[in-house]
Protein backbone atom coordinates (compact mmCIF):
# COMPACT_ATOMS: atom_id res chain seq x y z
CA UNK A 1 17.45 92.46 202.95
CA UNK A 2 15.04 91.03 204.86
CA UNK A 3 14.90 94.46 206.95
CA UNK A 4 13.51 96.06 203.56
CA UNK A 5 11.31 93.03 203.49
CA UNK A 6 9.75 93.40 206.97
CA UNK A 7 9.33 97.23 206.04
CA UNK A 8 7.48 95.81 202.87
CA UNK A 9 3.89 97.50 202.41
CA UNK A 10 1.25 94.60 203.65
CA UNK A 11 -1.11 93.42 201.66
CA UNK A 12 -4.23 90.63 201.52
CA UNK A 13 -3.62 87.38 200.16
CA UNK A 14 0.35 88.44 199.78
CA UNK A 15 2.48 86.75 202.48
CA UNK A 16 4.50 89.32 204.73
CA UNK A 17 7.89 87.77 204.91
CA UNK A 18 10.37 88.76 207.79
CA UNK A 19 12.84 85.62 207.72
CA UNK A 20 14.15 85.39 204.53
CA UNK A 21 17.87 84.81 204.63
CA UNK A 22 17.42 81.91 207.52
CA UNK A 23 13.74 80.30 206.41
CA UNK A 24 14.23 76.64 206.42
CA UNK A 25 11.28 75.58 204.69
CA UNK A 26 8.77 77.77 201.35
CA UNK A 27 6.34 76.05 199.55
CA UNK A 28 5.56 77.46 196.01
CA UNK A 29 2.97 80.20 196.84
CA UNK A 30 5.57 81.34 199.23
CA UNK A 31 8.36 81.41 196.46
CA UNK A 32 6.04 83.51 194.38
CA UNK A 33 5.02 85.80 196.82
CA UNK A 34 8.97 86.83 197.42
CA UNK A 35 9.36 86.78 193.70
CA UNK A 36 6.32 89.91 193.50
CA UNK A 37 8.04 91.69 196.28
CA UNK A 38 11.80 91.31 195.63
CA UNK A 39 12.60 93.41 192.42
CA UNK A 40 11.60 96.69 194.52
CA UNK A 41 13.73 95.53 197.10
CA UNK A 42 17.31 94.51 194.91
CA UNK A 43 16.94 97.41 192.91
CA UNK A 44 18.03 99.52 195.52
CA UNK A 45 20.71 96.84 196.85
CA UNK A 46 22.70 95.45 193.99
CA UNK A 47 24.76 97.70 192.04
CA UNK A 48 23.75 100.24 188.74
CA UNK A 49 22.19 98.30 185.62
CA UNK A 50 22.39 95.12 187.03
CA UNK A 51 21.10 92.35 184.72
CA UNK A 52 19.72 90.37 187.15
CA UNK A 53 16.71 92.89 188.18
CA UNK A 54 15.58 92.77 184.56
CA UNK A 55 15.63 89.19 184.32
CA UNK A 56 14.27 88.43 187.61
CA UNK A 57 10.91 91.06 186.85
CA UNK A 58 10.79 89.23 183.04
CA UNK A 59 10.42 86.04 184.68
CA UNK A 60 7.83 87.32 187.11
CA UNK A 61 5.94 89.24 184.08
CA UNK A 62 5.79 85.80 182.47
CA UNK A 63 4.53 84.17 185.88
CA UNK A 64 2.07 86.61 186.09
CA UNK A 65 0.60 86.38 182.72
CA UNK A 66 0.56 82.60 182.75
CA UNK A 67 -0.97 82.43 186.01
CA UNK A 68 -4.62 84.53 184.73
CA UNK A 69 -7.55 82.29 184.77
CA UNK A 70 -8.06 83.05 180.82
CA UNK A 71 -5.56 82.80 178.25
CA UNK A 72 -7.04 85.22 175.36
CA UNK A 73 -5.44 85.85 171.64
CA UNK A 74 -4.13 88.90 173.14
CA UNK A 75 -2.78 87.74 176.21
CA UNK A 76 -1.33 84.92 174.11
CA UNK A 77 0.86 87.19 172.03
CA UNK A 78 1.94 89.52 175.17
CA UNK A 79 3.39 85.86 177.05
CA UNK A 80 5.64 85.16 173.91
CA UNK A 81 7.30 88.52 173.99
CA UNK A 82 7.90 88.25 177.46
CA UNK A 83 9.15 84.50 177.19
CA UNK A 84 11.45 86.28 174.50
CA UNK A 85 12.18 88.67 176.74
CA UNK A 86 13.13 86.63 179.82
CA UNK A 87 14.96 84.44 177.16
CA UNK A 88 17.06 87.39 176.42
CA UNK A 89 18.10 88.29 179.81
CA UNK A 90 18.77 84.82 180.97
CA UNK A 91 21.87 85.03 178.31
CA UNK A 92 23.40 87.94 179.67
CA UNK A 93 23.07 86.45 183.45
CA UNK A 94 24.76 83.81 182.19
CA UNK A 95 27.45 85.92 180.49
CA UNK A 96 27.38 88.28 183.53
CA UNK A 97 27.39 85.73 186.71
CA UNK A 98 28.07 82.41 184.94
CA UNK A 99 24.70 80.95 185.78
CA UNK A 100 23.80 77.77 184.38
CA UNK A 101 19.92 77.63 183.38
CA UNK A 102 19.77 74.11 181.93
CA UNK A 103 17.24 72.54 184.44
CA UNK A 104 13.58 71.16 184.06
CA UNK A 105 11.26 74.25 184.98
CA UNK A 106 13.48 76.62 182.96
CA UNK A 107 12.80 74.36 179.65
CA UNK A 108 9.23 73.89 180.68
CA UNK A 109 8.81 77.65 180.23
CA UNK A 110 9.42 76.54 176.07
CA UNK A 111 6.43 74.67 175.80
CA UNK A 112 4.57 77.17 178.61
CA UNK A 113 1.89 78.64 175.61
CA UNK A 114 1.87 75.02 173.93
CA UNK A 115 0.47 73.39 177.26
CA UNK A 116 -2.33 76.20 177.51
CA UNK A 117 -3.39 75.75 173.74
CA UNK A 118 -4.03 72.07 174.53
CA UNK A 119 -4.72 71.79 178.41
CA UNK A 120 -6.00 75.12 179.23
CA UNK A 121 -4.59 77.57 181.49
CA UNK A 122 -1.97 76.48 183.08
CA UNK A 123 -3.66 77.10 186.97
CA UNK A 124 -5.79 73.98 186.55
CA UNK A 125 -2.39 72.24 187.04
CA UNK A 126 -0.78 74.01 189.34
CA UNK A 127 0.54 72.32 192.92
CA UNK A 128 0.86 75.69 195.12
CA UNK A 129 -2.34 75.00 196.28
CA UNK A 130 -1.97 71.86 197.48
CA UNK A 131 1.74 72.27 199.15
CA UNK A 132 0.53 73.97 201.74
CA UNK A 133 -0.17 70.77 203.81
CA UNK A 134 3.61 70.28 203.76
CA UNK A 135 3.54 73.32 206.81
CA UNK A 136 0.70 71.18 208.49
CA UNK A 137 3.27 67.75 208.70
CA UNK A 138 6.08 69.71 209.41
CA UNK A 139 3.95 71.24 212.54
CA UNK A 140 3.41 68.02 213.55
CA UNK A 141 6.74 66.71 212.96
CA UNK A 142 8.09 69.76 215.49
CA UNK A 143 6.31 68.33 218.58
CA UNK A 144 7.48 64.82 218.39
CA UNK A 145 10.77 63.03 219.36
CA UNK A 146 12.00 62.90 215.48
CA UNK A 147 12.23 59.21 215.85
CA UNK A 148 9.34 56.43 215.79
CA UNK A 149 7.05 59.65 214.62
CA UNK A 150 4.20 57.29 212.94
CA UNK A 151 4.02 56.06 216.86
CA UNK A 152 3.28 59.54 218.11
CA UNK A 153 0.33 59.69 215.70
CA UNK A 154 1.15 62.50 213.45
CA UNK A 155 -2.30 61.96 211.37
CA UNK A 156 -4.13 61.66 214.41
CA UNK A 157 -2.87 65.30 215.42
CA UNK A 158 -4.11 66.73 211.84
CA UNK A 159 -7.57 64.98 212.51
CA UNK A 160 -7.59 66.83 215.34
CA UNK A 161 -6.55 70.12 214.32
CA UNK A 162 -9.37 69.63 211.24
CA UNK A 163 -12.02 69.09 214.30
CA UNK A 164 -10.84 71.81 215.79
CA UNK A 165 -11.19 74.16 212.40
CA UNK A 166 -14.31 72.66 211.09
CA UNK A 167 -16.00 73.34 214.73
CA UNK A 168 -14.60 77.35 214.37
CA UNK A 169 -16.20 77.43 210.78
CA UNK A 170 -19.55 76.13 212.11
CA UNK A 171 -19.18 78.64 215.18
CA UNK A 172 -18.32 81.90 212.81
CA UNK A 173 -21.71 81.06 210.81
CA UNK A 174 -23.41 80.62 213.54
CA UNK A 175 -22.93 84.06 215.07
CA UNK A 176 -23.04 85.05 211.21
CA UNK A 177 -26.31 84.15 210.83
CA UNK A 178 -27.25 85.46 213.92
CA UNK A 179 -26.34 88.93 213.42
CA UNK A 180 -27.60 89.42 209.49
CA UNK A 181 -31.00 88.23 211.49
CA UNK A 182 -30.41 90.79 214.28
CA UNK A 183 -29.72 93.84 211.62
CA UNK A 184 -33.07 92.51 209.82
CA UNK A 185 -35.18 93.32 212.19
CA UNK A 186 -33.74 96.88 213.23
CA UNK A 187 -33.55 97.36 209.49
CA UNK A 188 -36.94 99.43 209.17
CA UNK A 189 -35.27 102.50 210.84
CA UNK A 190 -32.29 102.47 208.52
CA UNK A 191 -34.15 101.32 205.39
CA UNK A 192 -33.04 104.29 202.83
CA UNK A 193 -29.10 104.43 204.41
CA UNK A 194 -29.21 100.36 204.24
CA UNK A 195 -30.36 100.67 200.39
CA UNK A 196 -27.93 103.19 199.27
CA UNK A 197 -25.04 101.30 200.67
CA UNK A 198 -26.38 98.35 198.53
CA UNK A 199 -25.86 100.08 195.88
CA UNK A 200 -22.41 101.40 196.11
CA UNK A 201 -19.40 98.93 195.08
CA UNK A 202 -17.96 100.09 198.47
CA UNK A 203 -18.75 99.14 202.35
CA UNK A 204 -17.33 101.14 205.04
CA UNK A 205 -16.04 99.49 207.95
CA UNK A 206 -15.01 99.67 211.41
CA UNK A 207 -16.76 102.76 212.32
CA UNK A 208 -15.99 105.59 215.06
CA UNK A 209 -17.95 108.45 216.81
CA UNK A 210 -20.54 110.08 214.62
CA UNK A 211 -20.28 113.87 214.97
CA UNK A 212 -20.73 117.14 213.08
CA UNK A 213 -17.70 118.55 210.77
CA UNK A 214 -17.13 121.40 213.05
CA UNK A 215 -17.06 119.26 216.10
CA UNK A 216 -14.31 116.98 214.51
CA UNK A 217 -12.21 120.00 213.49
CA UNK A 218 -12.25 121.64 217.24
CA UNK A 219 -11.62 118.46 218.66
CA UNK A 220 -8.39 116.78 216.41
CA UNK A 221 -7.84 120.03 214.21
CA UNK A 222 -4.89 121.09 216.58
CA UNK A 223 -2.80 117.59 216.66
CA UNK A 224 -4.67 116.38 213.36
CA UNK A 225 -3.65 117.44 209.96
CA UNK A 226 -6.55 115.77 208.50
CA UNK A 227 -9.41 117.57 210.69
CA UNK A 228 -7.48 120.68 210.20
CA UNK A 229 -9.95 123.48 208.88
CA UNK A 230 -11.80 120.35 207.80
CA UNK A 231 -15.69 122.14 207.98
CA UNK A 232 -14.91 124.48 205.52
CA UNK A 233 -12.56 122.72 203.25
CA UNK A 234 -15.41 120.07 203.13
CA UNK A 235 -18.54 122.99 202.51
CA UNK A 236 -16.35 124.06 199.55
CA UNK A 237 -15.60 120.50 198.32
CA UNK A 238 -19.19 119.94 198.31
CA UNK A 239 -20.81 122.05 196.89
CA UNK A 240 -18.33 122.24 193.70
CA UNK A 241 -19.21 118.05 192.87
CA UNK A 242 -22.48 119.32 194.04
CA UNK A 243 -24.06 122.96 193.23
CA UNK A 244 -27.61 122.01 194.11
CA UNK A 245 -26.96 120.97 197.45
CA UNK A 246 -27.48 124.99 198.85
CA UNK A 247 -25.29 124.55 201.89
CA UNK A 248 -25.07 127.90 204.17
CA UNK A 249 -22.56 128.25 207.05
CA UNK A 250 -25.65 127.39 209.74
CA UNK A 251 -26.20 124.69 208.21
CA UNK A 252 -24.79 121.01 210.40
CA UNK A 253 -23.33 118.74 208.03
CA UNK A 254 -23.22 115.37 210.10
CA UNK A 255 -19.87 112.84 209.80
CA UNK A 256 -18.81 109.51 210.51
CA UNK A 257 -15.28 108.42 210.19
CA UNK A 258 -14.66 104.90 209.27
CA UNK A 259 -11.28 102.90 209.17
CA UNK A 260 -12.35 100.54 206.59
CA UNK A 261 -13.69 100.28 202.94
CA UNK A 262 -14.64 96.92 201.15
CA UNK A 263 -14.08 96.94 197.51
CA UNK A 264 -16.00 95.45 194.89
CA UNK A 265 -14.58 95.61 191.44
CA UNK A 266 -14.69 93.48 188.00
CA UNK A 267 -11.77 91.63 187.73
CA UNK A 268 -10.13 92.65 184.44
CA UNK A 269 -8.44 88.62 184.73
CA UNK A 270 -11.73 86.35 184.17
CA UNK A 271 -14.32 89.24 184.33
CA UNK A 272 -15.81 88.08 187.86
CA UNK A 273 -17.00 90.03 190.77
CA UNK A 274 -13.42 90.53 192.89
CA UNK A 275 -13.03 92.52 196.16
CA UNK A 276 -10.11 94.38 197.93
CA UNK A 277 -10.39 95.25 202.36
CA UNK A 278 -8.63 98.42 202.84
CA UNK A 279 -7.21 100.07 205.89
CA UNK A 280 -7.30 103.45 207.25
CA UNK A 281 -6.07 103.47 210.54
CA UNK A 282 -3.78 105.47 212.68
CA UNK A 283 -2.41 102.33 215.40
CA UNK A 284 -3.31 99.32 212.94
CA UNK A 285 -3.14 96.04 215.39
CA UNK A 286 -0.86 98.53 218.05
CA UNK A 287 2.16 98.17 214.64
CA UNK A 288 1.56 101.71 213.88
CA UNK A 289 -0.22 103.46 211.07
CA UNK A 290 -1.77 102.10 208.34
CA UNK A 291 -2.94 103.77 205.42
CA UNK A 292 -3.48 101.82 202.11
CA UNK A 293 -4.12 103.34 198.67
CA UNK A 294 -6.49 103.14 195.67
CA UNK A 295 -6.78 103.30 191.95
CA UNK A 296 -9.27 106.25 191.27
CA UNK A 297 -10.74 107.37 187.88
CA UNK A 298 -9.15 110.57 186.74
CA UNK A 299 -8.84 112.53 183.36
CA UNK A 300 -4.78 112.20 183.43
CA UNK A 301 -3.23 109.40 181.34
CA UNK A 302 -2.03 106.71 182.46
CA UNK A 303 -2.87 105.02 186.42
CA UNK A 304 -4.05 107.81 189.16
CA UNK A 305 -3.38 106.91 192.66
CA UNK A 306 -4.12 108.00 196.22
CA UNK A 307 -3.26 107.03 199.64
CA UNK A 308 -6.34 106.84 201.94
CA UNK A 309 -5.89 109.53 205.06
CA UNK A 310 -9.71 109.22 206.27
CA UNK A 311 -13.13 107.57 205.14
CA UNK A 312 -15.85 110.04 205.90
CA UNK A 313 -19.79 109.41 205.28
CA UNK A 314 -21.45 113.01 205.41
CA UNK A 315 -25.12 113.54 205.79
CA UNK A 316 -26.31 116.48 204.07
CA UNK A 317 -29.47 119.25 205.62
CA UNK A 318 -30.85 117.59 203.39
CA UNK A 319 -30.62 113.94 203.50
CA UNK A 320 -28.15 112.87 201.23
CA UNK A 321 -25.58 110.95 202.04
CA UNK A 322 -22.13 111.65 200.43
CA UNK A 323 -18.94 108.93 200.71
CA UNK A 324 -15.51 110.83 200.65
CA UNK A 325 -12.16 109.90 201.42
CA UNK A 326 -9.67 112.28 202.71
CA UNK A 327 -6.39 111.35 200.28
CA UNK A 328 -2.88 112.51 199.50
CA UNK A 329 -2.30 112.38 195.47
CA UNK A 330 0.42 110.26 194.14
CA UNK A 331 1.52 112.67 191.24
CA UNK A 332 3.94 110.56 188.49
CA UNK A 333 7.52 111.03 188.97
CA UNK A 334 9.86 110.70 186.03
CA UNK A 335 12.62 109.41 188.93
CA UNK A 336 14.22 105.58 187.99
CA UNK A 337 16.30 103.34 190.72
CA UNK A 338 19.53 102.88 189.62
CA UNK A 339 18.43 99.78 187.82
CA UNK A 340 15.06 100.26 186.06
CA UNK A 341 13.04 97.97 184.76
CA UNK A 342 10.20 97.58 182.01
CA UNK A 343 7.24 98.81 183.65
CA UNK A 344 8.86 100.90 186.50
CA UNK A 345 5.96 103.24 187.53
CA UNK A 346 6.76 105.60 190.10
CA UNK A 347 4.67 108.02 192.02
CA UNK A 348 5.93 110.76 194.25
CA UNK A 349 3.34 111.76 197.56
CA UNK A 350 2.04 115.04 197.68
CA UNK A 351 1.49 116.56 200.91
CA UNK A 352 -1.48 118.38 200.57
CA UNK A 353 -4.58 117.00 201.55
CA UNK A 354 -7.75 116.74 199.31
CA UNK A 355 -11.20 115.13 199.08
CA UNK A 356 -12.15 112.08 196.66
CA UNK A 357 -15.42 110.80 196.00
CA UNK A 358 -15.80 107.11 196.47
CA UNK A 359 -17.42 106.83 193.26
CA UNK A 360 -14.56 107.26 191.85
CA UNK A 361 -12.93 104.59 193.29
CA UNK A 362 -11.46 101.70 191.15
CA UNK A 363 -9.80 99.45 193.47
CA UNK A 364 -6.82 99.01 196.06
CA UNK A 365 -3.51 99.29 194.85
CA UNK A 366 -0.12 98.30 196.94
CA UNK A 367 2.61 100.79 196.94
CA UNK A 368 6.40 100.03 197.89
CA UNK A 369 8.57 102.74 199.61
CA UNK A 370 11.30 104.14 197.12
CA UNK A 371 14.56 106.30 198.16
CA UNK A 372 13.92 108.70 195.46
CA UNK A 373 16.83 111.24 194.62
CA UNK A 374 18.89 112.14 197.26
CA UNK A 375 18.34 115.78 197.27
CA UNK A 376 14.55 115.53 197.65
CA UNK A 377 12.25 115.24 200.99
CA UNK A 378 9.47 114.11 199.71
CA UNK A 379 7.80 110.36 199.57
CA UNK A 380 8.53 108.10 196.50
CA UNK A 381 6.56 105.14 196.32
CA UNK A 382 6.98 102.07 193.36
CA UNK A 383 3.39 100.86 192.15
CA UNK A 384 3.20 97.26 192.65
CA UNK A 385 1.24 95.95 189.35
CA UNK A 386 1.83 92.01 190.87
CA UNK A 387 -0.15 91.40 193.42
CA UNK A 388 -2.86 89.77 191.44
CA UNK A 389 -3.83 89.34 187.40
CA UNK A 390 -6.58 92.27 187.50
CA UNK A 391 -3.69 94.82 188.42
CA UNK A 392 -1.13 93.27 186.18
CA UNK A 393 -3.50 93.69 183.31
CA UNK A 394 -4.41 97.78 184.17
CA UNK A 395 -1.20 98.35 184.73
CA UNK A 396 -0.16 96.51 181.40
CA UNK A 397 -2.47 98.18 179.28
CA UNK A 398 -1.91 101.68 180.85
CA UNK A 399 1.25 101.70 179.81
CA UNK A 400 0.83 100.71 176.36
CA UNK A 401 0.18 97.73 175.52
CA UNK A 402 -3.07 95.97 174.60
CA UNK A 403 -3.64 92.80 176.53
CA UNK A 404 -7.76 92.54 176.83
């Protein structure tokens, strides 16, 4: 279990937990993060047809819906269905494992919708935000001899850390403002590119070298399949997407490679602006490769997903700048684990590399590795639809539910 959790894909605002079995302290947010990951691991560990998997999944669906920032009428109807489904699975778990569900938090779920109608969304009354202070107090307590701790000035230690944190924020803010001033002073030479990037919903970051497409192919094509036959494939793709660009063999396509992208989107949860930070790095912080995934617009039904393998900004001879990604598409697969659940989405990772215009990218996506069929050599992945409320609603509506 711990080994599987340690290998679980990383995601922003989702705690990466390596010591689940030996962890001696967790707050409410950590419990929720564990709950978001555990289904995709237990489904390959527990016996087939285990009632625990759909029961945990039903609880997680209730938590995700009740944790939304806006609770519309259609969402309340789906919540009611999920609560009834959860109660059904709790009865089956009680029969199979002699589990007693008579405790306060289980009872509160019955009144959850009434509380929402009377007092607003439950997020307004959550205690997870303030529970992080317990970890700080625990760290201070660990620096004492466990006796007469007040005399050892735990409160003063906390005040010192607050001063250091505020000083750090002021320093970071100073350098951020200085960097913005420097960028404004040098903006005269890059006005067109800056304006074009400001109009996009994405921003590339962590740039590598700047060269032409043929040079990338010559330098890296022999060892890296991403750049193998890059120039002819890129020209064919650009010609199909931009027929008005008459690219000849003699024309040079300048290209920049990036390792990070910031994607802005409108959240389906409360219709405010949100952001994903995605990595596309062959050696992320010396811990191995990290290639995040994206959701993108497609003419196929359901959810379309792809894995980023490279981020490229091309400058054509006409002056047009095109941002695109080299991706491995994820093909929906009908295979399911030995214990499936409602809303289980499985993708098969294709081997071939293709190009994807950044204009079609919606937001980032988290995929968890799946064992897949025993006789298959392909890579299979579960779509983790519970990273946040926006992703949960997108996938929920894609598989047939109407939850606006």
